[in-house]
Amino acid sequence: LEPKVVRQVITPETAAELTEALADGVERGSGVYSMVEGYRVAGKTGTAEKIAPGGGYLNNIYILSYVGFA
């Protein structure tokens, strides 16, 4: 399966800066447990409050996410 390039949304320089920032978060921040020996991993954690059925948010119920790449 070959990717289809539609358009360039950021410059290569911006992509490199973003990768550095995300890798720093893995190496020194909350993503440290996603480190893999022999690879430079970059990633971002996320936390969101769970919406209550009647509106507002549920107490102490969260949706956690992580996206990363090497």
PDB file of N, CA and C in Angstrom:
ATOM      1  N   LEU A   1       0.847  -1.172   0.000  1.00  0.00           N
ATOM      2  CA  LEU A   1       0.000   0.000   0.000  1.00  0.00           C
ATOM      3  C   LEU A   1       0.888   1.229   0.000  1.00  0.00           C
ATOM      4  N   GLU A   2       0.794   2.041  -1.003  1.00  0.00           N
ATOM      5  CA  GLU A   2       1.600   3.253  -1.110  1.00  0.00           C
ATOM      6  C   GLU A   2       0.794   4.461  -0.651  1.00  0.00           C
ATOM      7  N   PRO A   3       1.409   5.341   0.144  1.00  0.00           N
ATOM      8  CA  PRO A   3       0.685   6.545   0.572  1.00  0.00           C
ATOM      9  C   PRO A   3       0.481   7.493  -0.601  1.00  0.00           C
ATOM     10  N   LYS A   4      -0.606   8.242  -0.560  1.00  0.00           N
ATOM     11  CA  LYS A   4      -0.893   9.233  -1.581  1.00  0.00           C
ATOM     12  C   LYS A   4      -0.681  10.616  -0.968  1.00  0.00           C
ATOM     13  N   VAL A   5       0.278  11.358  -1.493  1.00  0.00           N
ATOM     14  CA  VAL A   5       0.547  12.701  -0.996  1.00  0.00           C
ATOM     15  C   VAL A   5      -0.497  13.642  -1.578  1.00  0.00           C
ATOM     16  N   VAL A   6      -1.248  14.301  -0.693  1.00  0.00           N
ATOM     17  CA  VAL A   6      -2.290  15.225  -1.133  1.00  0.00           C
ATOM     18  C   VAL A   6      -1.755  16.648  -1.146  1.00  0.00           C
ATOM     19  N   ARG A   7      -1.107  17.052  -0.034  1.00  0.00           N
ATOM     20  CA  ARG A   7      -0.506  18.380   0.040  1.00  0.00           C
ATOM     21  C   ARG A   7       0.454  18.399   1.224  1.00  0.00           C
ATOM     22  N   GLN A   8       1.383  19.320   1.204  1.00  0.00           N
ATOM     23  CA  GLN A   8       2.317  19.484   2.314  1.00  0.00           C
ATOM     24  C   GLN A   8       1.704  20.483   3.287  1.00  0.00           C
ATOM     25  N   VAL A   9       1.464  20.056   4.533  1.00  0.00           N
ATOM     26  CA  VAL A   9       0.782  20.925   5.499  1.00  0.00           C
ATOM     27  C   VAL A   9       1.744  21.670   6.416  1.00  0.00           C
ATOM     28  N   ILE A  10       2.962  21.149   6.604  1.00  0.00           N
ATOM     29  CA  ILE A  10       3.991  21.864   7.355  1.00  0.00           C
ATOM     30  C   ILE A  10       5.324  21.690   6.645  1.00  0.00           C
ATOM     31  N   THR A  11       6.246  22.586   6.914  1.00  0.00           N
ATOM     32  CA  THR A  11       7.562  22.500   6.284  1.00  0.00           C
ATOM     33  C   THR A  11       8.379  21.384   6.934  1.00  0.00           C
ATOM     34  N   PRO A  12       9.377  20.882   6.230  1.00  0.00           N
ATOM     35  CA  PRO A  12      10.260  19.884   6.845  1.00  0.00           C
ATOM     36  C   PRO A  12      10.924  20.409   8.126  1.00  0.00           C
ATOM     37  N   GLU A  13      11.242  21.701   8.159  1.00  0.00           N
ATOM     38  CA  GLU A  13      11.854  22.296   9.348  1.00  0.00           C
ATOM     39  C   GLU A  13      10.897  22.269  10.536  1.00  0.00           C
ATOM     40  N   THR A  14       9.630  22.594  10.296  1.00  0.00           N
ATOM     41  CA  THR A  14       8.627  22.547  11.363  1.00  0.00           C
ATOM     42  C   THR A  14       8.424  21.116  11.837  1.00  0.00           C
ATOM     43  N   ALA A  15       8.405  20.170  10.919  1.00  0.00           N
ATOM     44  CA  ALA A  15       8.262  18.759  11.289  1.00  0.00           C
ATOM     45  C   ALA A  15       9.428  18.315  12.169  1.00  0.00           C
ATOM     46  N   ALA A  16      10.641  18.753  11.847  1.00  0.00           N
ATOM     47  CA  ALA A  16      11.817  18.396  12.642  1.00  0.00           C
ATOM     48  C   ALA A  16      11.736  19.007  14.039  1.00  0.00           C
ATOM     49  N   GLU A  17      11.304  20.266  14.140  1.00  0.00           N
ATOM     50  CA  GLU A  17      11.155  20.923  15.445  1.00  0.00           C
ATOM     51  C   GLU A  17      10.088  20.233  16.289  1.00  0.00           C
ATOM     52  N   LEU A  18       8.986  19.873  15.676  1.00  0.00           N
ATOM     53  CA  LEU A  18       7.910  19.181  16.387  1.00  0.00           C
ATOM     54  C   LEU A  18       8.378  17.805  16.866  1.00  0.00           C
ATOM     55  N   THR A  19       9.099  17.091  16.021  1.00  0.00           N
ATOM     56  CA  THR A  19       9.633  15.790  16.416  1.00  0.00           C
ATOM     57  C   THR A  19      10.573  15.938  17.607  1.00  0.00           C
ATOM     58  N   GLU A  20      11.428  16.951  17.594  1.00  0.00           N
ATOM     59  CA  GLU A  20      12.337  17.197  18.722  1.00  0.00           C
ATOM     60  C   GLU A  20      11.562  17.439  20.010  1.00  0.00           C
ATOM     61  N   ALA A  21      10.530  18.268  19.942  1.00  0.00           N
ATOM     62  CA  ALA A  21       9.727  18.578  21.130  1.00  0.00           C
ATOM     63  C   ALA A  21       9.019  17.332  21.654  1.00  0.00           C
ATOM     64  N   LEU A  22       8.465  16.528  20.768  1.00  0.00           N
ATOM     65  CA  LEU A  22       7.759  15.315  21.184  1.00  0.00           C
ATOM     66  C   LEU A  22       8.728  14.258  21.711  1.00  0.00           C
ATOM     67  N   ALA A  23       9.917  14.176  21.142  1.00  0.00           N
ATOM     68  CA  ALA A  23      10.928  13.238  21.638  1.00  0.00           C
ATOM     69  C   ALA A  23      11.407  13.668  23.022  1.00  0.00           C
ATOM     70  N   ASP A  24      11.523  14.963  23.243  1.00  0.00           N
ATOM     71  CA  ASP A  24      11.921  15.478  24.552  1.00  0.00           C
ATOM     72  C   ASP A  24      10.899  15.077  25.613  1.00  0.00           C
ATOM     73  N   GLY A  25       9.624  15.095  25.264  1.00  0.00           N
ATOM     74  CA  GLY A  25       8.574  14.683  26.190  1.00  0.00           C
ATOM     75  C   GLY A  25       8.677  13.218  26.575  1.00  0.00           C
ATOM     76  N   VAL A  26       9.154  12.402  25.654  1.00  0.00           N
ATOM     77  CA  VAL A  26       9.349  10.977  25.950  1.00  0.00           C
ATOM     78  C   VAL A  26      10.594  10.802  26.822  1.00  0.00           C
ATOM     79  N   GLU A  27      11.658  11.488  26.471  1.00  0.00           N
ATOM     80  CA  GLU A  27      12.934  11.304  27.163  1.00  0.00           C
ATOM     81  C   GLU A  27      12.952  11.921  28.558  1.00  0.00           C
ATOM     82  N   ARG A  28      12.174  12.990  28.782  1.00  0.00           N
ATOM     83  CA  ARG A  28      12.245  13.701  30.059  1.00  0.00           C
ATOM     84  C   ARG A  28      10.899  13.898  30.742  1.00  0.00           C
ATOM     85  N   GLY A  29       9.828  13.487  30.102  1.00  0.00           N
ATOM     86  CA  GLY A  29       8.506  13.777  30.647  1.00  0.00           C
ATOM     87  C   GLY A  29       7.670  12.542  30.902  1.00  0.00           C
ATOM     88  N   SER A  30       6.370  12.711  30.755  1.00  0.00           N
ATOM     89  CA  SER A  30       5.424  11.644  31.107  1.00  0.00           C
ATOM     90  C   SER A  30       5.421  10.479  30.122  1.00  0.00           C
ATOM     91  N   GLY A  31       6.070  10.618  28.984  1.00  0.00           N
ATOM     92  CA  GLY A  31       6.120   9.524  28.015  1.00  0.00           C
ATOM     93  C   GLY A  31       7.308   8.599  28.189  1.00  0.00           C
ATOM     94  N   VAL A  32       8.032   8.746  29.301  1.00  0.00           N
ATOM     95  CA  VAL A  32       9.272   7.993  29.512  1.00  0.00           C
ATOM     96  C   VAL A  32       9.067   6.478  29.423  1.00  0.00           C
ATOM     97  N   TYR A  33       7.901   5.983  29.777  1.00  0.00           N
ATOM     98  CA  TYR A  33       7.656   4.540  29.735  1.00  0.00           C
ATOM     99  C   TYR A  33       7.445   4.005  28.315  1.00  0.00           C
ATOM    100  N   SER A  34       7.397   4.884  27.334  1.00  0.00           N
ATOM    101  CA  SER A  34       7.259   4.421  25.952  1.00  0.00           C
ATOM    102  C   SER A  34       8.609   4.308  25.251  1.00  0.00           C
ATOM    103  N   MET A  35       9.691   4.548  25.975  1.00  0.00           N
ATOM    104  CA  MET A  35      11.020   4.437  25.377  1.00  0.00           C
ATOM    105  C   MET A  35      11.283   2.989  24.950  1.00  0.00           C
ATOM    106  N   VAL A  36      11.930   2.842  23.790  1.00  0.00           N
ATOM    107  CA  VAL A  36      12.270   1.527  23.247  1.00  0.00           C
ATOM    108  C   VAL A  36      13.761   1.541  22.918  1.00  0.00           C
ATOM    109  N   GLU A  37      14.495   0.597  23.485  1.00  0.00           N
ATOM    110  CA  GLU A  37      15.936   0.547  23.268  1.00  0.00           C
ATOM    111  C   GLU A  37      16.251   0.454  21.779  1.00  0.00           C
ATOM    112  N   GLY A  38      17.159   1.308  21.335  1.00  0.00           N
ATOM    113  CA  GLY A  38      17.573   1.306  19.941  1.00  0.00           C
ATOM    114  C   GLY A  38      16.759   2.216  19.041  1.00  0.00           C
ATOM    115  N   TYR A  39      15.725   2.866  19.594  1.00  0.00           N
ATOM    116  CA  TYR A  39      14.869   3.757  18.811  1.00  0.00           C
ATOM    117  C   TYR A  39      14.726   5.097  19.520  1.00  0.00           C
ATOM    118  N   ARG A  40      14.596   6.151  18.761  1.00  0.00           N
ATOM    119  CA  ARG A  40      14.240   7.450  19.321  1.00  0.00           C
ATOM    120  C   ARG A  40      12.732   7.580  19.153  1.00  0.00           C
ATOM    121  N   VAL A  41      12.031   7.608  20.261  1.00  0.00           N
ATOM    122  CA  VAL A  41      10.569   7.642  20.250  1.00  0.00           C
ATOM    123  C   VAL A  41      10.100   9.061  20.531  1.00  0.00           C
ATOM    124  N   ALA A  42       9.084   9.493  19.809  1.00  0.00           N
ATOM    125  CA  ALA A  42       8.443  10.786  20.030  1.00  0.00           C
ATOM    126  C   ALA A  42       6.964  10.525  20.265  1.00  0.00           C
ATOM    127  N   GLY A  43       6.361  11.252  21.189  1.00  0.00           N
ATOM    128  CA  GLY A  43       4.952  10.999  21.470  1.00  0.00           C
ATOM    129  C   GLY A  43       4.309  12.085  22.302  1.00  0.00           C
ATOM    130  N   LYS A  44       2.999  11.978  22.441  1.00  0.00           N
ATOM    131  CA  LYS A  44       2.208  12.954  23.185  1.00  0.00           C
ATOM    132  C   LYS A  44       1.115  12.233  23.946  1.00  0.00           C
ATOM    133  N   THR A  45       1.001  12.574  25.231  1.00  0.00           N
ATOM    134  CA  THR A  45      -0.087  12.050  26.051  1.00  0.00           C
ATOM    135  C   THR A  45      -1.258  13.022  26.001  1.00  0.00           C
ATOM    136  N   GLY A  46      -2.438  12.531  26.350  1.00  0.00           N
ATOM    137  CA  GLY A  46      -3.625  13.386  26.406  1.00  0.00           C
ATOM    138  C   GLY A  46      -4.580  12.905  27.481  1.00  0.00           C
ATOM    139  N   THR A  47      -5.297  13.838  28.074  1.00  0.00           N
ATOM    140  CA  THR A  47      -6.298  13.527  29.093  1.00  0.00           C
ATOM    141  C   THR A  47      -7.530  14.375  28.817  1.00  0.00           C
ATOM    142  N   ALA A  48      -8.696  13.756  28.870  1.00  0.00           N
ATOM    143  CA  ALA A  48      -9.958  14.478  28.684  1.00  0.00           C
ATOM    144  C   ALA A  48     -10.957  14.007  29.725  1.00  0.00           C
ATOM    145  N   GLU A  49     -11.783  14.918  30.190  1.00  0.00           N
ATOM    146  CA  GLU A  49     -12.841  14.544  31.121  1.00  0.00           C
ATOM    147  C   GLU A  49     -13.967  13.852  30.356  1.00  0.00           C
ATOM    148  N   LYS A  50     -14.566  12.857  30.962  1.00  0.00           N
ATOM    149  CA  LYS A  50     -15.672  12.112  30.350  1.00  0.00           C
ATOM    150  C   LYS A  50     -16.959  12.909  30.524  1.00  0.00           C
ATOM    151  N   ILE A  51     -17.686  13.095  29.444  1.00  0.00           N
ATOM    152  CA  ILE A  51     -18.936  13.853  29.470  1.00  0.00           C
ATOM    153  C   ILE A  51     -20.036  13.020  30.112  1.00  0.00           C
ATOM    154  N   ALA A  52     -20.804  13.654  30.988  1.00  0.00           N
ATOM    155  CA  ALA A  52     -21.934  12.991  31.649  1.00  0.00           C
ATOM    156  C   ALA A  52     -23.137  12.977  30.717  1.00  0.00           C
ATOM    157  N   PRO A  53     -23.978  11.938  30.769  1.00  0.00           N
ATOM    158  CA  PRO A  53     -25.150  11.843  29.890  1.00  0.00           C
ATOM    159  C   PRO A  53     -26.080  13.057  29.970  1.00  0.00           C
ATOM    160  N   GLY A  54     -26.261  13.636  31.142  1.00  0.00           N
ATOM    161  CA  GLY A  54     -27.162  14.779  31.292  1.00  0.00           C
ATOM    162  C   GLY A  54     -26.498  16.131  31.136  1.00  0.00           C
ATOM    163  N   GLY A  55     -25.233  16.135  30.771  1.00  0.00           N
ATOM    164  CA  GLY A  55     -24.477  17.375  30.636  1.00  0.00           C
ATOM    165  C   GLY A  55     -23.410  17.473  31.706  1.00  0.00           C
ATOM    166  N   GLY A  56     -22.453  18.306  31.476  1.00  0.00           N
ATOM    167  CA  GLY A  56     -21.348  18.433  32.411  1.00  0.00           C
ATOM    168  C   GLY A  56     -20.387  17.267  32.269  1.00  0.00           C
ATOM    169  N   TYR A  57     -19.640  17.024  33.336  1.00  0.00           N
ATOM    170  CA  TYR A  57     -18.621  15.984  33.294  1.00  0.00           C
ATOM    171  C   TYR A  57     -18.764  15.040  34.471  1.00  0.00           C
ATOM    172  N   LEU A  58     -18.346  13.797  34.276  1.00  0.00           N
ATOM    173  CA  LEU A  58     -18.361  12.801  35.343  1.00  0.00           C
ATOM    174  C   LEU A  58     -17.187  13.057  36.285  1.00  0.00           C
ATOM    175  N   ASN A  59     -17.405  12.857  37.573  1.00  0.00           N
ATOM    176  CA  ASN A  59     -16.343  13.063  38.554  1.00  0.00           C
ATOM    177  C   ASN A  59     -15.298  11.954  38.479  1.00  0.00           C
ATOM    178  N   ASN A  60     -14.059  12.356  38.370  1.00  0.00           N
ATOM    179  CA  ASN A  60     -12.921  11.429  38.410  1.00  0.00           C
ATOM    180  C   ASN A  60     -12.960  10.334  37.348  1.00  0.00           C
ATOM    181  N   ILE A  61     -13.613  10.583  36.220  1.00  0.00           N
ATOM    182  CA  ILE A  61     -13.638   9.640  35.097  1.00  0.00           C
ATOM    183  C   ILE A  61     -12.988  10.347  33.909  1.00  0.00           C
ATOM    184  N   TYR A  62     -11.939   9.746  33.375  1.00  0.00           N
ATOM    185  CA  TYR A  62     -11.170  10.397  32.318  1.00  0.00           C
ATOM    186  C   TYR A  62     -10.954   9.463  31.133  1.00  0.00           C
ATOM    187  N   ILE A  63     -10.700  10.059  29.989  1.00  0.00           N
ATOM    188  CA  ILE A  63     -10.278   9.339  28.793  1.00  0.00           C
ATOM    189  C   ILE A  63      -8.796   9.664  28.627  1.00  0.00           C
ATOM    190  N   LEU A  64      -7.964   8.634  28.578  1.00  0.00           N
ATOM    191  CA  LEU A  64      -6.524   8.817  28.438  1.00  0.00           C
ATOM    192  C   LEU A  64      -6.093   8.356  27.055  1.00  0.00           C
ATOM    193  N   SER A  65      -5.156   9.073  26.476  1.00  0.00           N
ATOM    194  CA  SER A  65      -4.689   8.701  25.144  1.00  0.00           C
ATOM    195  C   SER A  65      -3.181   8.904  25.032  1.00  0.00           C
ATOM    196  N   TYR A  66      -2.597   8.232  24.075  1.00  0.00           N
ATOM    197  CA  TYR A  66      -1.178   8.393  23.774  1.00  0.00           C
ATOM    198  C   TYR A  66      -0.978   8.092  22.299  1.00  0.00           C
ATOM    199  N   VAL A  67      -0.233   8.949  21.630  1.00  0.00           N
ATOM    200  CA  VAL A  67       0.140   8.694  20.247  1.00  0.00           C
ATOM    201  C   VAL A  67       1.650   8.877  20.153  1.00  0.00           C
ATOM    202  N   GLY A  68       2.295   7.983  19.437  1.00  0.00           N
ATOM    203  CA  GLY A  68       3.741   8.076  19.341  1.00  0.00           C
ATOM    204  C   GLY A  68       4.259   7.500  18.036  1.00  0.00           C
ATOM    205  N   PHE A  69       5.521   7.793  17.759  1.00  0.00           N
ATOM    206  CA  PHE A  69       6.176   7.250  16.573  1.00  0.00           C
ATOM    207  C   PHE A  69       7.672   7.157  16.833  1.00  0.00           C
ATOM    208  N   ALA A  70       8.338   6.324  16.060  1.00  0.00           N
ATOM    209  CA  ALA A  70       9.790   6.150  16.207  1.00  0.00           C
ATOM    210  C   ALA A  70      10.454   6.315  14.855  1.00  0.00           C
TER     211      ALA A  70
END
